Amino acid sequence: MVAMVVPSVFAAFDKDGDGKVSASDLRCGMAAILGEDVSGEEAAVILAAVDADGDGLLSQEEFSRLAAGAHEEDDVDVRQRCLREAFGMYASSSTEATTTTMITPASLRRTLSRLGSHKLGVDDCRAMICRFDLDGDGALSFDEFQVMMMA
């Protein structure tokens, strides 16, 4: 079940008050309300993605699906940002010459020590990293860290 959008939000997009949002309504609403400038073609593609009944217009329920999808994208962005922040806590720059940031056994050990875990040595940290070190370089890149966090 899709949560319904507040009727006033739907009404702001439904300029002619017919209970449906056209591609033109969507385009104008996105520009006026969200500050997003989209072409007529882009608005039609967005509309078609959630137009369940195929009438070329969005009912309030279909519009709610569109809004829910936007929130899901926001959630993905938030999760990505949080993962990057967490990665940054554990990572260290490999050298001054490169901008590659990796989680090394030493950087993992250092961070875990700061967090109160003094029992693990560098070899223990190396073993932890090894499980998700997909390219075998002895360290975790952000992509490998993301795989580990989603496992």
N, C-alpha and C. Protein backbone atom coordinates (compact mmCIF):
# COMPACT_ATOMS: atom_id res chain seq x y z
N MET A 1 0.84 -1.17 0.00
CA MET A 1 0.00 0.00 0.00
C MET A 1 0.89 1.24 0.00
N VAL A 2 0.58 2.19 -0.82
CA VAL A 2 1.34 3.43 -0.96
C VAL A 2 0.73 4.49 -0.07
N ALA A 3 1.57 5.17 0.71
CA ALA A 3 1.07 6.27 1.53
C ALA A 3 0.60 7.39 0.61
N MET A 4 -0.53 7.97 0.95
CA MET A 4 -1.07 9.04 0.11
C MET A 4 -0.33 10.34 0.36
N VAL A 5 -0.10 11.07 -0.71
CA VAL A 5 0.50 12.39 -0.62
C VAL A 5 -0.53 13.34 -0.04
N VAL A 6 -0.09 14.30 0.74
CA VAL A 6 -0.99 15.31 1.29
C VAL A 6 -1.76 15.92 0.11
N PRO A 7 -3.10 16.00 0.21
CA PRO A 7 -3.90 16.52 -0.90
C PRO A 7 -3.45 17.88 -1.42
N SER A 8 -2.95 18.74 -0.55
CA SER A 8 -2.52 20.07 -1.01
C SER A 8 -1.30 19.98 -1.92
N VAL A 9 -0.45 18.97 -1.72
CA VAL A 9 0.71 18.79 -2.60
C VAL A 9 0.21 18.35 -3.98
N PHE A 10 -0.70 17.39 -3.99
CA PHE A 10 -1.28 16.94 -5.25
C PHE A 10 -1.99 18.10 -5.95
N ALA A 11 -2.75 18.87 -5.19
CA ALA A 11 -3.48 20.01 -5.76
C ALA A 11 -2.54 21.05 -6.35
N ALA A 12 -1.39 21.23 -5.75
CA ALA A 12 -0.41 22.20 -6.27
C ALA A 12 0.08 21.79 -7.65
N PHE A 13 0.14 20.49 -7.91
CA PHE A 13 0.56 20.01 -9.23
C PHE A 13 -0.62 19.96 -10.20
N ASP A 14 -1.80 19.70 -9.68
CA ASP A 14 -3.02 19.59 -10.50
C ASP A 14 -3.59 20.99 -10.73
N LYS A 15 -2.96 21.73 -11.63
CA LYS A 15 -3.29 23.15 -11.84
C LYS A 15 -4.74 23.38 -12.28
N ASP A 16 -5.27 22.49 -13.13
CA ASP A 16 -6.63 22.72 -13.63
C ASP A 16 -7.71 22.09 -12.74
N GLY A 17 -7.29 21.42 -11.67
CA GLY A 17 -8.25 20.88 -10.70
C GLY A 17 -9.10 19.73 -11.19
N ASP A 18 -8.65 19.02 -12.23
CA ASP A 18 -9.44 17.92 -12.76
C ASP A 18 -9.20 16.58 -12.05
N GLY A 19 -8.37 16.60 -11.02
CA GLY A 19 -8.08 15.36 -10.29
C GLY A 19 -7.02 14.51 -10.93
N LYS A 20 -6.36 15.03 -11.95
CA LYS A 20 -5.30 14.31 -12.66
C LYS A 20 -4.14 15.26 -12.90
N VAL A 21 -2.94 14.71 -12.92
CA VAL A 21 -1.74 15.49 -13.21
C VAL A 21 -1.22 15.05 -14.58
N SER A 22 -1.16 15.99 -15.51
CA SER A 22 -0.64 15.70 -16.85
C SER A 22 0.87 15.90 -16.85
N ALA A 23 1.51 15.53 -17.94
CA ALA A 23 2.96 15.75 -18.07
C ALA A 23 3.26 17.25 -17.98
N SER A 24 2.40 18.08 -18.57
CA SER A 24 2.58 19.52 -18.50
C SER A 24 2.44 20.02 -17.06
N ASP A 25 1.43 19.52 -16.33
CA ASP A 25 1.25 19.87 -14.92
C ASP A 25 2.49 19.46 -14.12
N LEU A 26 2.97 18.26 -14.40
CA LEU A 26 4.12 17.73 -13.68
C LEU A 26 5.35 18.60 -13.93
N ARG A 27 5.55 18.96 -15.19
CA ARG A 27 6.69 19.81 -15.56
C ARG A 27 6.62 21.16 -14.87
N CYS A 28 5.47 21.80 -14.92
CA CYS A 28 5.29 23.12 -14.29
C CYS A 28 5.44 23.03 -12.78
N GLY A 29 4.85 22.00 -12.19
CA GLY A 29 4.94 21.82 -10.74
C GLY A 29 6.35 21.57 -10.27
N MET A 30 7.08 20.77 -11.03
CA MET A 30 8.46 20.49 -10.65
C MET A 30 9.30 21.75 -10.70
N ALA A 31 9.03 22.60 -11.68
CA ALA A 31 9.78 23.86 -11.79
C ALA A 31 9.39 24.82 -10.68
N ALA A 32 8.09 25.02 -10.48
CA ALA A 32 7.61 26.01 -9.52
C ALA A 32 7.80 25.58 -8.06
N ILE A 33 7.54 24.31 -7.78
CA ILE A 33 7.53 23.86 -6.39
C ILE A 33 8.89 23.29 -5.96
N LEU A 34 9.50 22.52 -6.86
CA LEU A 34 10.75 21.85 -6.50
C LEU A 34 11.99 22.52 -7.06
N GLY A 35 11.80 23.48 -7.96
CA GLY A 35 12.95 24.14 -8.57
C GLY A 35 13.68 23.25 -9.56
N GLU A 36 13.02 22.20 -10.04
CA GLU A 36 13.60 21.25 -10.99
C GLU A 36 13.11 21.58 -12.39
N ASP A 37 14.01 21.93 -13.27
CA ASP A 37 13.64 22.25 -14.65
C ASP A 37 13.77 20.99 -15.50
N VAL A 38 12.64 20.41 -15.89
CA VAL A 38 12.64 19.20 -16.72
C VAL A 38 11.95 19.51 -18.05
N SER A 39 12.39 18.84 -19.07
CA SER A 39 11.78 19.03 -20.39
C SER A 39 10.43 18.32 -20.43
N GLY A 40 9.64 18.62 -21.44
CA GLY A 40 8.37 17.94 -21.63
C GLY A 40 8.56 16.45 -21.81
N GLU A 41 9.63 16.08 -22.51
CA GLU A 41 9.93 14.66 -22.74
C GLU A 41 10.28 13.97 -21.43
N GLU A 42 11.10 14.62 -20.60
CA GLU A 42 11.46 14.04 -19.30
C GLU A 42 10.24 13.89 -18.41
N ALA A 43 9.36 14.89 -18.42
CA ALA A 43 8.14 14.82 -17.62
C ALA A 43 7.26 13.65 -18.09
N ALA A 44 7.19 13.43 -19.39
CA ALA A 44 6.39 12.33 -19.93
C ALA A 44 6.97 10.98 -19.51
N VAL A 45 8.29 10.88 -19.49
CA VAL A 45 8.94 9.63 -19.07
C VAL A 45 8.68 9.37 -17.59
N ILE A 46 8.82 10.41 -16.77
CA ILE A 46 8.56 10.29 -15.33
C ILE A 46 7.11 9.85 -15.11
N LEU A 47 6.18 10.49 -15.80
CA LEU A 47 4.77 10.18 -15.68
C LEU A 47 4.50 8.74 -16.09
N ALA A 48 5.06 8.33 -17.21
CA ALA A 48 4.82 6.98 -17.73
C ALA A 48 5.31 5.90 -16.77
N ALA A 49 6.34 6.21 -15.99
CA ALA A 49 6.91 5.23 -15.07
C ALA A 49 5.94 4.84 -13.96
N VAL A 50 4.98 5.71 -13.62
CA VAL A 50 4.04 5.41 -12.53
C VAL A 50 2.58 5.43 -12.98
N ASP A 51 2.34 5.62 -14.26
CA ASP A 51 0.98 5.68 -14.80
C ASP A 51 0.43 4.26 -14.93
N ALA A 52 -0.16 3.76 -13.84
CA ALA A 52 -0.61 2.37 -13.78
C ALA A 52 -1.72 2.05 -14.76
N ASP A 53 -2.65 2.98 -14.98
CA ASP A 53 -3.78 2.69 -15.86
C ASP A 53 -3.54 3.07 -17.31
N GLY A 54 -2.38 3.66 -17.61
CA GLY A 54 -2.01 3.97 -18.98
C GLY A 54 -2.79 5.09 -19.63
N ASP A 55 -3.44 5.94 -18.85
CA ASP A 55 -4.23 7.02 -19.45
C ASP A 55 -3.42 8.28 -19.75
N GLY A 56 -2.12 8.25 -19.45
CA GLY A 56 -1.28 9.41 -19.71
C GLY A 56 -1.42 10.51 -18.67
N LEU A 57 -2.12 10.22 -17.59
CA LEU A 57 -2.35 11.18 -16.50
C LEU A 57 -2.11 10.47 -15.17
N LEU A 58 -1.78 11.24 -14.15
CA LEU A 58 -1.57 10.65 -12.84
C LEU A 58 -2.73 10.97 -11.91
N SER A 59 -3.33 9.91 -11.38
CA SER A 59 -4.33 10.08 -10.33
C SER A 59 -3.57 10.41 -9.04
N GLN A 60 -4.30 10.72 -7.98
CA GLN A 60 -3.63 11.03 -6.72
C GLN A 60 -2.85 9.81 -6.22
N GLU A 61 -3.40 8.61 -6.39
CA GLU A 61 -2.69 7.40 -5.95
C GLU A 61 -1.42 7.19 -6.76
N GLU A 62 -1.48 7.38 -8.08
CA GLU A 62 -0.29 7.24 -8.91
C GLU A 62 0.75 8.31 -8.56
N PHE A 63 0.28 9.52 -8.31
CA PHE A 63 1.15 10.62 -7.91
C PHE A 63 1.85 10.28 -6.59
N SER A 64 1.12 9.63 -5.68
CA SER A 64 1.69 9.21 -4.41
C SER A 64 2.81 8.20 -4.61
N ARG A 65 2.65 7.30 -5.58
CA ARG A 65 3.71 6.34 -5.90
C ARG A 65 4.96 7.06 -6.38
N LEU A 66 4.75 8.09 -7.19
CA LEU A 66 5.87 8.90 -7.68
C LEU A 66 6.59 9.56 -6.51
N ALA A 67 5.84 10.15 -5.61
CA ALA A 67 6.43 10.81 -4.44
C ALA A 67 7.14 9.80 -3.55
N ALA A 68 6.56 8.61 -3.36
CA ALA A 68 7.19 7.58 -2.54
C ALA A 68 8.51 7.15 -3.16
N GLY A 69 8.55 7.05 -4.50
CA GLY A 69 9.80 6.70 -5.19
C GLY A 69 10.86 7.74 -4.96
N ALA A 70 10.50 9.00 -4.90
CA ALA A 70 11.46 10.07 -4.64
C ALA A 70 12.03 9.92 -3.24
N HIS A 71 11.17 9.54 -2.27
CA HIS A 71 11.66 9.34 -0.91
C HIS A 71 12.60 8.14 -0.84
N GLU A 72 12.31 7.08 -1.61
CA GLU A 72 13.20 5.93 -1.63
C GLU A 72 14.57 6.34 -2.16
N GLU A 73 14.60 7.19 -3.20
CA GLU A 73 15.88 7.67 -3.71
C GLU A 73 16.60 8.48 -2.65
N ASP A 74 15.85 9.31 -1.90
CA ASP A 74 16.45 10.08 -0.81
C ASP A 74 17.06 9.13 0.21
N ASP A 75 16.33 8.04 0.55
CA ASP A 75 16.83 7.07 1.52
C ASP A 75 18.13 6.43 1.03
N VAL A 76 18.20 6.13 -0.25
CA VAL A 76 19.42 5.55 -0.82
C VAL A 76 20.56 6.54 -0.69
N ASP A 77 20.30 7.81 -0.97
CA ASP A 77 21.33 8.84 -0.83
C ASP A 77 21.81 8.95 0.61
N VAL A 78 20.88 8.90 1.55
CA VAL A 78 21.23 8.99 2.96
C VAL A 78 22.08 7.78 3.37
N ARG A 79 21.66 6.58 2.95
CA ARG A 79 22.44 5.37 3.27
C ARG A 79 23.85 5.47 2.69
N GLN A 80 23.95 5.94 1.44
CA GLN A 80 25.25 6.08 0.79
C GLN A 80 26.13 7.07 1.56
N ARG A 81 25.56 8.18 1.96
CA ARG A 81 26.32 9.18 2.70
C ARG A 81 26.78 8.62 4.05
N CYS A 82 25.90 7.90 4.73
CA CYS A 82 26.27 7.30 6.02
C CYS A 82 27.37 6.27 5.85
N LEU A 83 27.27 5.46 4.80
CA LEU A 83 28.33 4.49 4.54
C LEU A 83 29.67 5.18 4.28
N ARG A 84 29.64 6.27 3.51
CA ARG A 84 30.88 7.01 3.23
C ARG A 84 31.47 7.59 4.51
N GLU A 85 30.61 8.10 5.39
CA GLU A 85 31.10 8.64 6.66
C GLU A 85 31.71 7.54 7.52
N ALA A 86 31.04 6.39 7.59
CA ALA A 86 31.58 5.27 8.36
C ALA A 86 32.90 4.79 7.76
N PHE A 87 32.95 4.69 6.45
CA PHE A 87 34.18 4.28 5.77
C PHE A 87 35.31 5.25 6.12
N GLY A 88 35.01 6.53 6.11
CA GLY A 88 36.01 7.54 6.43
C GLY A 88 36.57 7.41 7.84
N MET A 89 35.75 6.91 8.77
CA MET A 89 36.23 6.70 10.14
C MET A 89 37.34 5.66 10.19
N TYR A 90 37.21 4.63 9.37
CA TYR A 90 38.14 3.50 9.42
C TYR A 90 39.29 3.62 8.42
N ALA A 91 39.13 4.46 7.44
CA ALA A 91 40.08 4.50 6.33
C ALA A 91 41.25 5.43 6.59
N SER A 92 42.29 5.20 5.80
CA SER A 92 43.44 6.11 5.79
C SER A 92 43.89 6.27 4.36
N SER A 93 44.47 7.42 4.03
CA SER A 93 44.99 7.64 2.69
C SER A 93 46.21 6.76 2.52
N SER A 94 46.32 6.11 1.35
CA SER A 94 47.41 5.17 1.14
C SER A 94 48.76 5.86 1.03
N THR A 95 48.83 6.94 0.27
CA THR A 95 50.07 7.72 0.16
C THR A 95 49.70 9.16 -0.13
N GLU A 96 50.66 10.05 0.02
CA GLU A 96 50.38 11.46 -0.30
C GLU A 96 50.21 11.67 -1.80
N ALA A 97 50.81 10.81 -2.61
CA ALA A 97 50.78 10.97 -4.07
C ALA A 97 49.43 10.58 -4.66
N THR A 98 48.66 9.76 -3.92
CA THR A 98 47.37 9.33 -4.45
C THR A 98 46.25 9.81 -3.53
N THR A 99 45.08 9.86 -4.07
CA THR A 99 43.92 10.26 -3.28
C THR A 99 43.07 9.04 -2.91
N THR A 100 43.60 7.85 -3.16
CA THR A 100 42.87 6.63 -2.85
C THR A 100 42.83 6.44 -1.34
N THR A 101 41.64 6.25 -0.83
CA THR A 101 41.46 6.01 0.59
C THR A 101 41.02 4.58 0.76
N MET A 102 41.69 3.88 1.67
CA MET A 102 41.43 2.46 1.88
C MET A 102 41.38 2.18 3.38
N ILE A 103 40.72 1.08 3.74
CA ILE A 103 40.80 0.59 5.11
C ILE A 103 41.89 -0.47 5.11
N THR A 104 42.95 -0.17 5.81
CA THR A 104 44.08 -1.09 5.92
C THR A 104 43.99 -1.81 7.26
N PRO A 105 44.73 -2.90 7.45
CA PRO A 105 44.74 -3.54 8.78
C PRO A 105 45.15 -2.56 9.88
N ALA A 106 46.13 -1.70 9.60
CA ALA A 106 46.59 -0.73 10.61
C ALA A 106 45.52 0.31 10.91
N SER A 107 44.85 0.82 9.88
CA SER A 107 43.82 1.84 10.13
C SER A 107 42.62 1.23 10.84
N LEU A 108 42.28 -0.01 10.53
CA LEU A 108 41.19 -0.70 11.22
C LEU A 108 41.55 -0.89 12.69
N ARG A 109 42.76 -1.35 12.95
CA ARG A 109 43.24 -1.56 14.33
C ARG A 109 43.22 -0.24 15.11
N ARG A 110 43.71 0.83 14.49
CA ARG A 110 43.75 2.14 15.14
C ARG A 110 42.34 2.61 15.53
N THR A 111 41.40 2.47 14.60
CA THR A 111 40.04 2.92 14.87
C THR A 111 39.37 2.05 15.93
N LEU A 112 39.55 0.75 15.84
CA LEU A 112 38.95 -0.14 16.84
C LEU A 112 39.53 0.15 18.23
N SER A 113 40.80 0.47 18.30
CA SER A 113 41.42 0.84 19.58
C SER A 113 40.80 2.11 20.14
N ARG A 114 40.59 3.10 19.27
CA ARG A 114 39.94 4.34 19.70
C ARG A 114 38.53 4.09 20.22
N LEU A 115 37.89 3.07 19.66
CA LEU A 115 36.52 2.73 20.07
C LEU A 115 36.48 1.81 21.28
N GLY A 116 37.68 1.46 21.81
CA GLY A 116 37.74 0.67 23.04
C GLY A 116 38.06 -0.79 22.87
N SER A 117 38.28 -1.27 21.66
CA SER A 117 38.61 -2.67 21.43
C SER A 117 40.13 -2.81 21.31
N HIS A 118 40.78 -3.12 22.45
CA HIS A 118 42.24 -3.20 22.47
C HIS A 118 42.75 -4.62 22.31
N LYS A 119 41.86 -5.59 22.21
CA LYS A 119 42.27 -7.00 22.14
C LYS A 119 42.73 -7.43 20.76
N LEU A 120 42.24 -6.77 19.72
CA LEU A 120 42.57 -7.18 18.36
C LEU A 120 43.90 -6.61 17.92
N GLY A 121 44.71 -7.47 17.35
CA GLY A 121 45.99 -7.03 16.80
C GLY A 121 45.86 -6.79 15.30
N VAL A 122 46.94 -6.34 14.68
CA VAL A 122 46.94 -6.07 13.24
C VAL A 122 46.65 -7.34 12.46
N ASP A 123 47.18 -8.50 12.92
CA ASP A 123 46.91 -9.77 12.21
C ASP A 123 45.42 -10.12 12.25
N ASP A 124 44.77 -9.85 13.39
CA ASP A 124 43.32 -10.08 13.49
C ASP A 124 42.57 -9.18 12.50
N CYS A 125 43.01 -7.94 12.42
CA CYS A 125 42.38 -6.98 11.50
C CYS A 125 42.62 -7.39 10.05
N ARG A 126 43.80 -7.90 9.77
CA ARG A 126 44.12 -8.39 8.42
C ARG A 126 43.16 -9.53 8.05
N ALA A 127 42.89 -10.43 9.00
CA ALA A 127 41.98 -11.55 8.76
C ALA A 127 40.56 -11.05 8.51
N MET A 128 40.15 -10.02 9.26
CA MET A 128 38.81 -9.45 9.06
C MET A 128 38.69 -8.84 7.66
N ILE A 129 39.71 -8.13 7.24
CA ILE A 129 39.70 -7.47 5.93
C ILE A 129 39.73 -8.50 4.81
N CYS A 130 40.48 -9.56 5.01
CA CYS A 130 40.66 -10.59 3.98
C CYS A 130 39.33 -11.15 3.46
N ARG A 131 38.34 -11.28 4.34
CA ARG A 131 37.05 -11.85 3.94
C ARG A 131 36.36 -11.05 2.85
N PHE A 132 36.55 -9.74 2.83
CA PHE A 132 35.85 -8.88 1.88
C PHE A 132 36.78 -8.17 0.91
N ASP A 133 38.05 -8.52 0.95
CA ASP A 133 39.04 -7.93 0.05
C ASP A 133 38.93 -8.62 -1.31
N LEU A 134 38.04 -8.11 -2.13
CA LEU A 134 37.70 -8.78 -3.39
C LEU A 134 38.82 -8.73 -4.42
N ASP A 135 39.65 -7.69 -4.37
CA ASP A 135 40.74 -7.59 -5.36
C ASP A 135 42.08 -8.09 -4.82
N GLY A 136 42.12 -8.53 -3.57
CA GLY A 136 43.32 -9.14 -3.01
C GLY A 136 44.46 -8.18 -2.72
N ASP A 137 44.17 -6.89 -2.59
CA ASP A 137 45.26 -5.93 -2.35
C ASP A 137 45.56 -5.72 -0.86
N GLY A 138 44.87 -6.46 0.01
CA GLY A 138 45.15 -6.37 1.44
C GLY A 138 44.44 -5.23 2.15
N ALA A 139 43.58 -4.52 1.45
CA ALA A 139 42.85 -3.39 2.03
C ALA A 139 41.44 -3.36 1.46
N LEU A 140 40.57 -2.60 2.10
CA LEU A 140 39.19 -2.47 1.61
C LEU A 140 38.98 -1.12 0.96
N SER A 141 38.52 -1.14 -0.27
CA SER A 141 38.09 0.08 -0.95
C SER A 141 36.67 0.40 -0.46
N PHE A 142 36.15 1.54 -0.86
CA PHE A 142 34.77 1.86 -0.46
C PHE A 142 33.80 0.82 -1.00
N ASP A 143 33.99 0.39 -2.26
CA ASP A 143 33.07 -0.60 -2.84
C ASP A 143 33.09 -1.91 -2.06
N GLU A 144 34.28 -2.35 -1.64
CA GLU A 144 34.39 -3.58 -0.86
C GLU A 144 33.76 -3.38 0.53
N PHE A 145 33.96 -2.21 1.12
CA PHE A 145 33.36 -1.89 2.41
C PHE A 145 31.83 -1.93 2.30
N GLN A 146 31.31 -1.39 1.20
CA GLN A 146 29.86 -1.38 0.99
C GLN A 146 29.33 -2.81 0.89
N VAL A 147 30.03 -3.67 0.17
CA VAL A 147 29.62 -5.08 0.08
C VAL A 147 29.60 -5.70 1.47
N MET A 148 30.65 -5.43 2.26
CA MET A 148 30.74 -5.99 3.61
C MET A 148 29.57 -5.51 4.46
N MET A 149 29.23 -4.24 4.39
CA MET A 149 28.17 -3.68 5.23
C MET A 149 26.80 -4.18 4.81
N MET A 150 26.64 -4.58 3.56
CA MET A 150 25.35 -5.06 3.07
C MET A 150 25.20 -6.57 3.25
N ALA A 151 26.29 -7.26 3.66
CA ALA A 151 26.26 -8.71 3.81
C ALA A 151 25.50 -9.12 5.05
